[in-house]
Every structure is written in C-alpha cells, then in structure tokens.
PDB file of N, CA and C in Angstrom:
ATOM      1  N   MET A   1    -127.117 -62.308 -41.365  1.00  0.00           N
ATOM      2  CA  MET A   1    -126.677 -60.912 -40.988  1.00  0.00           C
ATOM      3  C   MET A   1    -127.256 -60.868 -39.678  1.00  0.00           C
ATOM      4  N   THR A   2    -126.278 -60.451 -38.746  1.00  0.00           N
ATOM      5  CA  THR A   2    -126.880 -60.216 -37.309  1.00  0.00           C
ATOM      6  C   THR A   2    -126.944 -58.669 -37.066  1.00  0.00           C
ATOM      7  N   ARG A   3    -128.139 -58.470 -36.195  1.00  0.00           N
ATOM      8  CA  ARG A   3    -128.231 -57.106 -35.985  1.00  0.00           C
ATOM      9  C   ARG A   3    -128.009 -56.746 -34.413  1.00  0.00           C
ATOM     10  N   GLU A   4    -127.433 -55.792 -34.278  1.00  0.00           N
ATOM     11  CA  GLU A   4    -127.344 -55.408 -32.768  1.00  0.00           C
ATOM     12  C   GLU A   4    -128.536 -54.637 -32.320  1.00  0.00           C
ATOM     13  N   VAL A   5    -129.420 -55.153 -31.470  1.00  0.00           N
ATOM     14  CA  VAL A   5    -130.576 -54.664 -30.991  1.00  0.00           C
ATOM     15  C   VAL A   5    -130.516 -54.283 -29.386  1.00  0.00           C
ATOM     16  N   SER A   6    -130.892 -53.109 -29.002  1.00  0.00           N
ATOM     17  CA  SER A   6    -131.051 -52.870 -27.548  1.00  0.00           C
ATOM     18  C   SER A   6    -132.184 -52.079 -27.223  1.00  0.00           C
ATOM     19  N   ARG A   7    -132.605 -52.021 -26.173  1.00  0.00           N
ATOM     20  CA  ARG A   7    -133.760 -51.097 -25.561  1.00  0.00           C
ATOM     21  C   ARG A   7    -133.100 -49.993 -24.476  1.00  0.00           C
ATOM     22  N   THR A   8    -133.864 -48.843 -24.636  1.00  0.00           N
ATOM     23  CA  THR A   8    -133.220 -47.798 -23.874  1.00  0.00           C
ATOM     24  C   THR A   8    -133.865 -48.257 -22.388  1.00  0.00           C
ATOM     25  N   ASP A   9    -132.984 -47.487 -21.470  1.00  0.00           N
ATOM     26  CA  ASP A   9    -133.614 -47.884 -19.878  1.00  0.00           C
ATOM     27  C   ASP A   9    -134.851 -47.344 -19.925  1.00  0.00           C
ATOM     28  N   ASP A  10    -135.459 -46.273 -20.243  1.00  0.00           N
ATOM     29  CA  ASP A  10    -136.880 -45.817 -19.856  1.00  0.00           C
ATOM     30  C   ASP A  10    -137.943 -46.761 -20.873  1.00  0.00           C
ATOM     31  N   GLY A  11    -137.375 -47.674 -21.795  1.00  0.00           N
ATOM     32  CA  GLY A  11    -138.279 -48.416 -22.473  1.00  0.00           C
ATOM     33  C   GLY A  11    -139.079 -47.915 -23.604  1.00  0.00           C
ATOM     34  N   ARG A  12    -138.904 -46.832 -23.764  1.00  0.00           N
ATOM     35  CA  ARG A  12    -139.386 -46.015 -25.039  1.00  0.00           C
ATOM     36  C   ARG A  12    -138.836 -46.156 -26.359  1.00  0.00           C
ATOM     37  N   TRP A  13    -137.622 -46.533 -26.628  1.00  0.00           N
ATOM     38  CA  TRP A  13    -137.061 -46.775 -27.813  1.00  0.00           C
ATOM     39  C   TRP A  13    -136.341 -48.032 -27.829  1.00  0.00           C
ATOM     40  N   ILE A  14    -136.206 -48.863 -29.036  1.00  0.00           N
ATOM     41  CA  ILE A  14    -135.552 -49.688 -29.109  1.00  0.00           C
ATOM     42  C   ILE A  14    -134.237 -49.220 -30.393  1.00  0.00           C
ATOM     43  N   VAL A  15    -133.025 -49.679 -30.053  1.00  0.00           N
ATOM     44  CA  VAL A  15    -131.852 -49.149 -30.901  1.00  0.00           C
ATOM     45  C   VAL A  15    -131.448 -50.412 -31.870  1.00  0.00           C
ATOM     46  N   VAL A  16    -131.419 -50.235 -33.156  1.00  0.00           N
ATOM     47  CA  VAL A  16    -131.131 -51.195 -33.963  1.00  0.00           C
ATOM     48  C   VAL A  16    -130.146 -50.749 -34.704  1.00  0.00           C
ATOM     49  N   ASP A  17    -128.845 -51.350 -34.904  1.00  0.00           N
ATOM     50  CA  ASP A  17    -127.678 -50.955 -35.545  1.00  0.00           C
ATOM     51  C   ASP A  17    -127.425 -49.323 -35.525  1.00  0.00           C
ATOM     52  N   GLY A  18    -127.666 -48.977 -34.146  1.00  0.00           N
ATOM     53  CA  GLY A  18    -127.504 -47.678 -33.745  1.00  0.00           C
ATOM     54  C   GLY A  18    -128.475 -46.721 -34.202  1.00  0.00           C
ATOM     55  N   ARG A  19    -129.583 -47.087 -34.786  1.00  0.00           N
ATOM     56  CA  ARG A  19    -130.787 -46.130 -35.050  1.00  0.00           C
ATOM     57  C   ARG A  19    -131.824 -46.291 -34.100  1.00  0.00           C
ATOM     58  N   ARG A  20    -132.239 -45.371 -33.436  1.00  0.00           N
ATOM     59  CA  ARG A  20    -133.321 -45.386 -32.488  1.00  0.00           C
ATOM     60  C   ARG A  20    -134.721 -45.319 -33.200  1.00  0.00           C
ATOM     61  N   TRP A  21    -135.504 -46.370 -32.662  1.00  0.00           N
ATOM     62  CA  TRP A  21    -136.977 -46.500 -33.219  1.00  0.00           C
ATOM     63  C   TRP A  21    -137.898 -46.673 -31.988  1.00  0.00           C
ATOM     64  N   ARG A  22    -138.966 -45.821 -32.105  1.00  0.00           N
ATOM     65  CA  ARG A  22    -140.186 -45.587 -30.876  1.00  0.00           C
ATOM     66  C   ARG A  22    -140.671 -47.205 -30.856  1.00  0.00           C
ATOM     67  N   THR A  23    -140.601 -47.400 -29.712  1.00  0.00           N
ATOM     68  CA  THR A  23    -141.512 -48.647 -29.311  1.00  0.00           C
ATOM     69  C   THR A  23    -142.891 -48.522 -29.317  1.00  0.00           C
ATOM     70  N   ALA A  24    -143.732 -49.883 -29.356  1.00  0.00           N
ATOM     71  CA  ALA A  24    -145.077 -49.622 -29.233  1.00  0.00           C
ATOM     72  C   ALA A  24    -145.719 -49.446 -27.997  1.00  0.00           C
ATOM     73  N   ASP A  25    -146.814 -49.027 -27.827  1.00  0.00           N
ATOM     74  CA  ASP A  25    -147.319 -48.529 -26.449  1.00  0.00           C
ATOM     75  C   ASP A  25    -147.603 -49.856 -25.714  1.00  0.00           C
ATOM     76  N   PRO A  26    -147.001 -49.938 -24.553  1.00  0.00           N
ATOM     77  CA  PRO A  26    -147.088 -51.110 -23.700  1.00  0.00           C
ATOM     78  C   PRO A  26    -148.560 -51.201 -23.065  1.00  0.00           C
ATOM     79  N   ALA A  27    -149.233 -50.085 -23.041  1.00  0.00           N
ATOM     80  CA  ALA A  27    -150.563 -50.248 -22.546  1.00  0.00           C
ATOM     81  C   ALA A  27    -151.620 -51.025 -23.571  1.00  0.00           C
ATOM     82  N   LEU A  28    -151.186 -51.203 -25.020  1.00  0.00           N
ATOM     83  CA  LEU A  28    -151.917 -51.903 -25.789  1.00  0.00           C
ATOM     84  C   LEU A  28    -152.465 -52.974 -25.183  1.00  0.00           C
ATOM     85  N   PRO A  29    -153.929 -53.465 -25.039  1.00  0.00           N
ATOM     86  CA  PRO A  29    -154.127 -54.804 -24.913  1.00  0.00           C
ATOM     87  C   PRO A  29    -153.908 -55.727 -25.821  1.00  0.00           C
ATOM     88  N   ASP A  30    -153.560 -57.018 -25.403  1.00  0.00           N
ATOM     89  CA  ASP A  30    -152.939 -58.006 -26.460  1.00  0.00           C
ATOM     90  C   ASP A  30    -153.981 -58.237 -27.717  1.00  0.00           C
ATOM     91  N   ASP A  31    -155.272 -58.369 -27.588  1.00  0.00           N
ATOM     92  CA  ASP A  31    -155.940 -58.495 -28.670  1.00  0.00           C
ATOM     93  C   ASP A  31    -155.938 -57.242 -29.832  1.00  0.00           C
ATOM     94  N   VAL A  32    -155.926 -56.074 -29.076  1.00  0.00           N
ATOM     95  CA  VAL A  32    -155.551 -54.764 -29.915  1.00  0.00           C
ATOM     96  C   VAL A  32    -154.190 -54.678 -30.677  1.00  0.00           C
ATOM     97  N   ARG A  33    -153.396 -55.098 -29.981  1.00  0.00           N
ATOM     98  CA  ARG A  33    -151.851 -55.161 -30.529  1.00  0.00           C
ATOM     99  C   ARG A  33    -151.790 -56.182 -31.640  1.00  0.00           C
ATOM    100  N   ALA A  34    -152.507 -57.325 -31.559  1.00  0.00           N
ATOM    101  CA  ALA A  34    -152.587 -58.483 -32.512  1.00  0.00           C
ATOM    102  C   ALA A  34    -153.219 -58.019 -33.781  1.00  0.00           C
ATOM    103  N   ARG A  35    -154.521 -57.236 -33.651  1.00  0.00           N
ATOM    104  CA  ARG A  35    -155.335 -56.539 -34.519  1.00  0.00           C
ATOM    105  C   ARG A  35    -154.506 -55.568 -35.359  1.00  0.00           C
ATOM    106  N   LEU A  36    -153.796 -54.734 -34.660  1.00  0.00           N
ATOM    107  CA  LEU A  36    -152.959 -53.735 -35.433  1.00  0.00           C
ATOM    108  C   LEU A  36    -151.679 -54.387 -36.109  1.00  0.00           C
ATOM    109  N   LEU A  37    -151.110 -55.271 -35.495  1.00  0.00           N
ATOM    110  CA  LEU A  37    -150.022 -55.888 -36.120  1.00  0.00           C
ATOM    111  C   LEU A  37    -150.407 -56.620 -37.366  1.00  0.00           C
ATOM    112  N   HIS A  38    -151.569 -57.078 -37.671  1.00  0.00           N
ATOM    113  CA  HIS A  38    -152.056 -57.629 -38.774  1.00  0.00           C
ATOM    114  C   HIS A  38    -152.160 -56.990 -39.867  1.00  0.00           C
ATOM    115  N   HIS A  39    -152.938 -55.662 -39.314  1.00  0.00           N
ATOM    116  CA  HIS A  39    -152.983 -54.718 -40.218  1.00  0.00           C
ATOM    117  C   HIS A  39    -151.674 -54.086 -40.967  1.00  0.00           C
ATOM    118  N   LEU A  40    -150.820 -53.894 -40.198  1.00  0.00           N
ATOM    119  CA  LEU A  40    -149.606 -53.448 -40.298  1.00  0.00           C
ATOM    120  C   LEU A  40    -148.691 -54.428 -41.484  1.00  0.00           C
ATOM    121  N   GLY A  41    -148.904 -55.758 -41.147  1.00  0.00           N
ATOM    122  CA  GLY A  41    -148.476 -57.000 -41.978  1.00  0.00           C
ATOM    123  C   GLY A  41    -149.190 -56.742 -43.453  1.00  0.00           C
ATOM    124  N   VAL A  42    -150.422 -56.695 -43.371  1.00  0.00           N
ATOM    125  CA  VAL A  42    -151.141 -56.442 -44.701  1.00  0.00           C
ATOM    126  C   VAL A  42    -150.605 -55.101 -45.211  1.00  0.00           C
ATOM    127  N   GLY A  43    -150.406 -53.911 -44.663  1.00  0.00           N
ATOM    128  CA  GLY A  43    -150.019 -52.904 -45.321  1.00  0.00           C
ATOM    129  C   GLY A  43    -148.717 -53.182 -46.072  1.00  0.00           C
ATOM    130  N   ARG A  44    -147.513 -53.490 -45.246  1.00  0.00           N
ATOM    131  CA  ARG A  44    -146.342 -54.003 -45.568  1.00  0.00           C
ATOM    132  C   ARG A  44    -146.432 -54.994 -46.826  1.00  0.00           C
ATOM    133  N   SER A  45    -147.247 -55.896 -46.748  1.00  0.00           N
ATOM    134  CA  SER A  45    -147.319 -56.740 -48.137  1.00  0.00           C
ATOM    135  C   SER A  45    -147.878 -55.893 -49.157  1.00  0.00           C
ATOM    136  N   GLY A  46    -148.834 -55.117 -49.164  1.00  0.00           N
ATOM    137  CA  GLY A  46    -149.397 -54.251 -50.096  1.00  0.00           C
ATOM    138  C   GLY A  46    -148.356 -53.104 -50.642  1.00  0.00           C
ATOM    139  N   VAL A  47    -147.324 -52.948 -49.716  1.00  0.00           N
ATOM    140  CA  VAL A  47    -146.372 -52.042 -50.314  1.00  0.00           C
ATOM    141  C   VAL A  47    -145.436 -52.676 -51.375  1.00  0.00           C
ATOM    142  N   ARG A  48    -145.077 -53.922 -50.808  1.00  0.00           N
ATOM    143  CA  ARG A  48    -144.214 -54.838 -51.652  1.00  0.00           C
ATOM    144  C   ARG A  48    -144.871 -54.982 -52.980  1.00  0.00           C
ATOM    145  N   ALA A  49    -146.268 -55.565 -52.909  1.00  0.00           N
ATOM    146  CA  ALA A  49    -146.921 -55.863 -54.178  1.00  0.00           C
ATOM    147  C   ALA A  49    -147.039 -54.772 -55.061  1.00  0.00           C
ATOM    148  N   ALA A  50    -147.423 -53.559 -54.461  1.00  0.00           N
ATOM    149  CA  ALA A  50    -147.699 -52.574 -55.340  1.00  0.00           C
ATOM    150  C   ALA A  50    -146.503 -51.827 -56.119  1.00  0.00           C
ATOM    151  N   GLY A  51    -145.066 -51.962 -55.276  1.00  0.00           N
ATOM    152  CA  GLY A  51    -143.934 -51.336 -55.693  1.00  0.00           C
ATOM    153  C   GLY A  51    -143.514 -52.502 -56.876  1.00  0.00           C
ATOM    154  N   ARG A  52    -143.838 -53.703 -56.596  1.00  0.00           N
ATOM    155  CA  ARG A  52    -143.587 -54.728 -57.884  1.00  0.00           C
ATOM    156  C   ARG A  52    -144.236 -54.482 -59.249  1.00  0.00           C
ATOM    157  N   ALA A  53    -145.416 -54.133 -58.655  1.00  0.00           N
ATOM    158  CA  ALA A  53    -146.344 -54.037 -59.906  1.00  0.00           C
ATOM    159  C   ALA A  53    -146.398 -52.570 -60.425  1.00  0.00           C
ATOM    160  N   ASP A  54    -145.535 -51.753 -59.896  1.00  0.00           N
ATOM    161  CA  ASP A  54    -145.321 -50.232 -60.145  1.00  0.00           C
ATOM    162  C   ASP A  54    -146.783 -49.432 -60.418  1.00  0.00           C
ATOM    163  N   ASP A  55    -147.616 -49.597 -59.311  1.00  0.00           N
ATOM    164  CA  ASP A  55    -148.795 -49.326 -59.159  1.00  0.00           C
ATOM    165  C   ASP A  55    -148.874 -48.142 -58.250  1.00  0.00           C
ATOM    166  N   ALA A  56    -148.869 -46.842 -58.637  1.00  0.00           N
ATOM    167  CA  ALA A  56    -148.641 -45.687 -57.597  1.00  0.00           C
ATOM    168  C   ALA A  56    -149.771 -45.529 -56.755  1.00  0.00           C
ATOM    169  N   THR A  57    -151.038 -45.667 -57.231  1.00  0.00           N
ATOM    170  CA  THR A  57    -152.374 -45.778 -56.391  1.00  0.00           C
ATOM    171  C   THR A  57    -152.450 -46.729 -55.330  1.00  0.00           C
ATOM    172  N   ALA A  58    -152.008 -47.860 -55.701  1.00  0.00           N
ATOM    173  CA  ALA A  58    -151.957 -49.202 -54.507  1.00  0.00           C
ATOM    174  C   ALA A  58    -150.822 -48.871 -53.492  1.00  0.00           C
ATOM    175  N   LEU A  59    -149.930 -48.385 -54.132  1.00  0.00           N
ATOM    176  CA  LEU A  59    -148.710 -48.117 -53.113  1.00  0.00           C
ATOM    177  C   LEU A  59    -149.231 -46.975 -52.193  1.00  0.00           C
ATOM    178  N   ALA A  60    -149.756 -45.915 -52.609  1.00  0.00           N
ATOM    179  CA  ALA A  60    -150.125 -45.057 -51.658  1.00  0.00           C
ATOM    180  C   ALA A  60    -151.321 -45.271 -50.673  1.00  0.00           C
ATOM    181  N   ALA A  61    -152.169 -46.143 -51.047  1.00  0.00           N
ATOM    182  CA  ALA A  61    -153.045 -46.746 -50.337  1.00  0.00           C
ATOM    183  C   ALA A  61    -152.346 -47.482 -49.197  1.00  0.00           C
ATOM    184  N   ALA A  62    -151.609 -48.467 -49.725  1.00  0.00           N
ATOM    185  CA  ALA A  62    -150.799 -49.355 -48.878  1.00  0.00           C
ATOM    186  C   ALA A  62    -149.868 -48.627 -47.545  1.00  0.00           C
ATOM    187  N   ARG A  63    -149.275 -47.611 -48.179  1.00  0.00           N
ATOM    188  CA  ARG A  63    -148.355 -46.982 -47.324  1.00  0.00           C
ATOM    189  C   ARG A  63    -149.366 -46.150 -46.119  1.00  0.00           C
ATOM    190  N   ALA A  64    -150.356 -45.530 -46.443  1.00  0.00           N
ATOM    191  CA  ALA A  64    -151.456 -45.055 -45.696  1.00  0.00           C
ATOM    192  C   ALA A  64    -151.915 -46.140 -44.757  1.00  0.00           C
ATOM    193  N   ARG A  65    -151.974 -47.331 -45.036  1.00  0.00           N
ATOM    194  CA  ARG A  65    -152.343 -48.466 -44.120  1.00  0.00           C
ATOM    195  C   ARG A  65    -151.430 -48.436 -43.193  1.00  0.00           C
ATOM    196  N   VAL A  66    -149.955 -48.641 -43.657  1.00  0.00           N
ATOM    197  CA  VAL A  66    -148.925 -49.071 -42.665  1.00  0.00           C
ATOM    198  C   VAL A  66    -148.874 -47.599 -41.661  1.00  0.00           C
ATOM    199  N   GLN A  67    -148.997 -46.616 -42.335  1.00  0.00           N
ATOM    200  CA  GLN A  67    -149.343 -45.276 -41.344  1.00  0.00           C
ATOM    201  C   GLN A  67    -150.074 -45.323 -40.132  1.00  0.00           C
ATOM    202  N   LEU A  68    -151.392 -45.765 -40.429  1.00  0.00           N
ATOM    203  CA  LEU A  68    -152.400 -45.924 -39.699  1.00  0.00           C
ATOM    204  C   LEU A  68    -152.101 -47.120 -38.674  1.00  0.00           C
ATOM    205  N   ALA A  69    -151.649 -48.284 -38.953  1.00  0.00           N
ATOM    206  CA  ALA A  69    -151.147 -49.160 -38.085  1.00  0.00           C
ATOM    207  C   ALA A  69    -150.147 -48.818 -37.211  1.00  0.00           C
ATOM    208  N   LYS A  70    -149.272 -48.090 -37.747  1.00  0.00           N
ATOM    209  CA  LYS A  70    -148.118 -47.730 -36.579  1.00  0.00           C
ATOM    210  C   LYS A  70    -148.580 -46.574 -35.645  1.00  0.00           C
ATOM    211  N   THR A  71    -149.445 -45.755 -36.315  1.00  0.00           N
ATOM    212  CA  THR A  71    -150.074 -44.750 -35.246  1.00  0.00           C
ATOM    213  C   THR A  71    -150.676 -45.375 -34.286  1.00  0.00           C
ATOM    214  N   GLY A  72    -151.675 -46.370 -34.515  1.00  0.00           N
ATOM    215  CA  GLY A  72    -152.329 -47.042 -33.540  1.00  0.00           C
ATOM    216  C   GLY A  72    -151.502 -47.644 -32.646  1.00  0.00           C
ATOM    217  N   LEU A  73    -150.426 -48.279 -32.965  1.00  0.00           N
ATOM    218  CA  LEU A  73    -149.382 -49.047 -32.299  1.00  0.00           C
ATOM    219  C   LEU A  73    -148.692 -47.914 -31.189  1.00  0.00           C
ATOM    220  N   GLY A  74    -148.807 -46.620 -31.691  1.00  0.00           N
ATOM    221  CA  GLY A  74    -148.014 -45.902 -30.986  1.00  0.00           C
ATOM    222  C   GLY A  74    -146.568 -45.482 -31.285  1.00  0.00           C
ATOM    223  N   GLU A  75    -146.148 -46.028 -32.420  1.00  0.00           N
ATOM    224  CA  GLU A  75    -144.923 -45.826 -33.010  1.00  0.00           C
ATOM    225  C   GLU A  75    -144.623 -44.670 -33.777  1.00  0.00           C
ATOM    226  N   ARG A  76    -145.866 -43.952 -34.319  1.00  0.00           N
ATOM    227  CA  ARG A  76    -145.839 -42.711 -34.918  1.00  0.00           C
ATOM    228  C   ARG A  76    -146.826 -41.736 -34.422  1.00  0.00           C
ATOM    229  N   GLY A  77    -146.865 -40.603 -34.597  1.00  0.00           N
ATOM    230  CA  GLY A  77    -147.936 -39.528 -34.182  1.00  0.00           C
ATOM    231  C   GLY A  77    -147.154 -39.069 -32.594  1.00  0.00           C
ATOM    232  N   GLU A  78    -148.116 -38.389 -31.906  1.00  0.00           N
ATOM    233  CA  GLU A  78    -147.665 -38.144 -30.645  1.00  0.00           C
ATOM    234  C   GLU A  78    -147.164 -39.120 -29.727  1.00  0.00           C
ATOM    235  N   ALA A  79    -146.026 -39.132 -29.081  1.00  0.00           N
ATOM    236  CA  ALA A  79    -145.550 -39.912 -28.326  1.00  0.00           C
ATOM    237  C   ALA A  79    -146.439 -40.495 -27.117  1.00  0.00           C
ATOM    238  N   TRP A  80    -146.655 -41.963 -27.020  1.00  0.00           N
ATOM    239  CA  TRP A  80    -147.581 -42.513 -26.053  1.00  0.00           C
ATOM    240  C   TRP A  80    -147.118 -42.072 -24.717  1.00  0.00           C
ATOM    241  N   TRP A  81    -146.235 -41.763 -24.492  1.00  0.00           N
ATOM    242  CA  TRP A  81    -145.768 -41.402 -23.078  1.00  0.00           C
ATOM    243  C   TRP A  81    -146.010 -40.107 -22.776  1.00  0.00           C
ATOM    244  N   GLU A  82    -146.399 -39.185 -23.851  1.00  0.00           N
ATOM    245  CA  GLU A  82    -146.967 -37.791 -23.452  1.00  0.00           C
ATOM    246  C   GLU A  82    -148.626 -37.855 -23.545  1.00  0.00           C
ATOM    247  N   GLN A  83    -149.253 -39.057 -23.733  1.00  0.00           N
ATOM    248  CA  GLN A  83    -150.690 -38.863 -23.575  1.00  0.00           C
ATOM    249  C   GLN A  83    -151.290 -39.691 -22.456  1.00  0.00           C
ATOM    250  N   ASP A  84    -152.385 -39.224 -21.991  1.00  0.00           N
ATOM    251  CA  ASP A  84    -152.984 -39.716 -20.824  1.00  0.00           C
ATOM    252  C   ASP A  84    -153.652 -40.869 -21.285  1.00  0.00           C
ATOM    253  N   ASP A  85    -154.327 -41.897 -20.376  1.00  0.00           N
ATOM    254  CA  ASP A  85    -155.036 -42.933 -20.654  1.00  0.00           C
ATOM    255  C   ASP A  85    -156.020 -42.778 -21.753  1.00  0.00           C
ATOM    256  N   ASP A  86    -156.879 -41.995 -21.545  1.00  0.00           N
ATOM    257  CA  ASP A  86    -157.904 -41.556 -22.678  1.00  0.00           C
ATOM    258  C   ASP A  86    -157.497 -41.254 -23.971  1.00  0.00           C
ATOM    259  N   ALA A  87    -156.537 -40.585 -23.999  1.00  0.00           N
ATOM    260  CA  ALA A  87    -155.883 -40.107 -25.518  1.00  0.00           C
ATOM    261  C   ALA A  87    -155.269 -41.450 -26.112  1.00  0.00           C
ATOM    262  N   ARG A  88    -154.704 -42.368 -25.213  1.00  0.00           N
ATOM    263  CA  ARG A  88    -153.918 -43.441 -25.778  1.00  0.00           C
ATOM    264  C   ARG A  88    -155.267 -44.379 -26.356  1.00  0.00           C
ATOM    265  N   ARG A  89    -156.167 -44.740 -25.521  1.00  0.00           N
ATOM    266  CA  ARG A  89    -157.254 -45.435 -25.870  1.00  0.00           C
ATOM    267  C   ARG A  89    -157.849 -44.986 -27.194  1.00  0.00           C
ATOM    268  N   THR A  90    -158.171 -43.799 -27.256  1.00  0.00           N
ATOM    269  CA  THR A  90    -158.750 -43.027 -28.441  1.00  0.00           C
ATOM    270  C   THR A  90    -157.826 -43.257 -29.557  1.00  0.00           C
ATOM    271  N   ARG A  91    -156.402 -43.290 -29.362  1.00  0.00           N
ATOM    272  CA  ARG A  91    -155.550 -43.258 -30.695  1.00  0.00           C
ATOM    273  C   ARG A  91    -155.553 -44.841 -31.035  1.00  0.00           C
ATOM    274  N   TRP A  92    -155.637 -45.955 -30.344  1.00  0.00           N
ATOM    275  CA  TRP A  92    -155.664 -47.081 -30.923  1.00  0.00           C
ATOM    276  C   TRP A  92    -157.192 -47.455 -31.666  1.00  0.00           C
ATOM    277  N   GLU A  93    -158.167 -47.198 -30.738  1.00  0.00           N
ATOM    278  CA  GLU A  93    -159.533 -47.334 -31.271  1.00  0.00           C
ATOM    279  C   GLU A  93    -159.769 -46.670 -32.632  1.00  0.00           C
ATOM    280  N   THR A  94    -159.286 -45.515 -32.680  1.00  0.00           N
ATOM    281  CA  THR A  94    -159.517 -44.584 -34.013  1.00  0.00           C
ATOM    282  C   THR A  94    -158.820 -45.401 -35.117  1.00  0.00           C
ATOM    283  N   ALA A  95    -157.679 -45.793 -34.918  1.00  0.00           N
ATOM    284  CA  ALA A  95    -156.701 -46.421 -35.952  1.00  0.00           C
ATOM    285  C   ALA A  95    -157.480 -47.645 -36.234  1.00  0.00           C
ATOM    286  N   LEU A  96    -157.786 -48.749 -35.418  1.00  0.00           N
ATOM    287  CA  LEU A  96    -158.688 -49.636 -35.675  1.00  0.00           C
ATOM    288  C   LEU A  96    -159.843 -49.421 -36.461  1.00  0.00           C
ATOM    289  N   ARG A  97    -160.767 -48.491 -36.257  1.00  0.00           N
ATOM    290  CA  ARG A  97    -161.972 -48.213 -36.767  1.00  0.00           C
ATOM    291  C   ARG A  97    -161.502 -47.861 -38.229  1.00  0.00           C
ATOM    292  N   ASP A  98    -160.613 -46.980 -38.513  1.00  0.00           N
ATOM    293  CA  ASP A  98    -160.207 -46.775 -39.775  1.00  0.00           C
ATOM    294  C   ASP A  98    -159.537 -47.834 -40.523  1.00  0.00           C
ATOM    295  N   LEU A  99    -158.733 -48.374 -40.091  1.00  0.00           N
ATOM    296  CA  LEU A  99    -158.174 -49.707 -40.551  1.00  0.00           C
ATOM    297  C   LEU A  99    -159.214 -50.863 -41.055  1.00  0.00           C
ATOM    298  N   GLU A 100    -160.099 -51.016 -40.466  1.00  0.00           N
ATOM    299  CA  GLU A 100    -161.251 -52.080 -40.399  1.00  0.00           C
ATOM    300  C   GLU A 100    -162.182 -51.503 -41.640  1.00  0.00           C
ATOM    301  N   ALA A 101    -162.374 -50.179 -41.668  1.00  0.00           N
ATOM    302  CA  ALA A 101    -163.153 -49.789 -42.768  1.00  0.00           C
ATOM    303  C   ALA A 101    -162.532 -49.982 -44.121  1.00  0.00           C
ATOM    304  N   LEU A 102    -161.422 -50.169 -44.247  1.00  0.00           N
ATOM    305  CA  LEU A 102    -160.509 -50.371 -45.379  1.00  0.00           C
ATOM    306  C   LEU A 102    -160.905 -51.626 -45.884  1.00  0.00           C
ATOM    307  N   ASP A 103    -161.089 -52.632 -44.857  1.00  0.00           N
ATOM    308  CA  ASP A 103    -161.302 -54.060 -45.537  1.00  0.00           C
ATOM    309  C   ASP A 103    -162.692 -54.220 -46.137  1.00  0.00           C
TER     310      ASP A 103
END
C-alpha cells in the first residue's frame, strides 16, 4: 500500500492521505529525539501487547507512555511553534524525566 505523504510549506505539519499531523519539534537535539522515539516505540509495543492480552490496566499505562512521548516530541499539547525556547526545552525535559521514571 502506497501512502501519499507531503509536508506543509511552514514545516509544521505532514499530510498523510489527506489527513494533517503535527510534526515533531525541529529544535529537539538528536539524542533527545532518539530517546523520546525509543519511549514512543516501547509505548506502542505495550499498547499492542495489552490489547492482545485484553489487559485494560496495561493498556492505559501504555497509552499514557505514548502520550508522554508524543508530548515530549511536540506532536501533542501546546504547539511547539507557539512556545519560546525555554518552554520547549522544559517540555521535552519533563517528558523524558517522567518517561524514564516509568522504567
């Protein structure tokens, strides 16, 4: 299956098959982005496993992990382009601290 993917001119959104999705904050340092993406993958894997096991508690925890990771990336919550540099840094540092506390 081929998907049509494009990016808006302002770089704030990608469009996949006509649906708009917020991009990750381009100011994220590479190591921070990698750590957040790792947590996102762990969370998504947890969502799949909990769904297969029909475990509502594990599913809620995994979804919370995904939410934290996506917020840290800037894909959810207040738009990264509306935050100053300090608020952006605080957003990703807080998300990483909370995610790493889950491990």
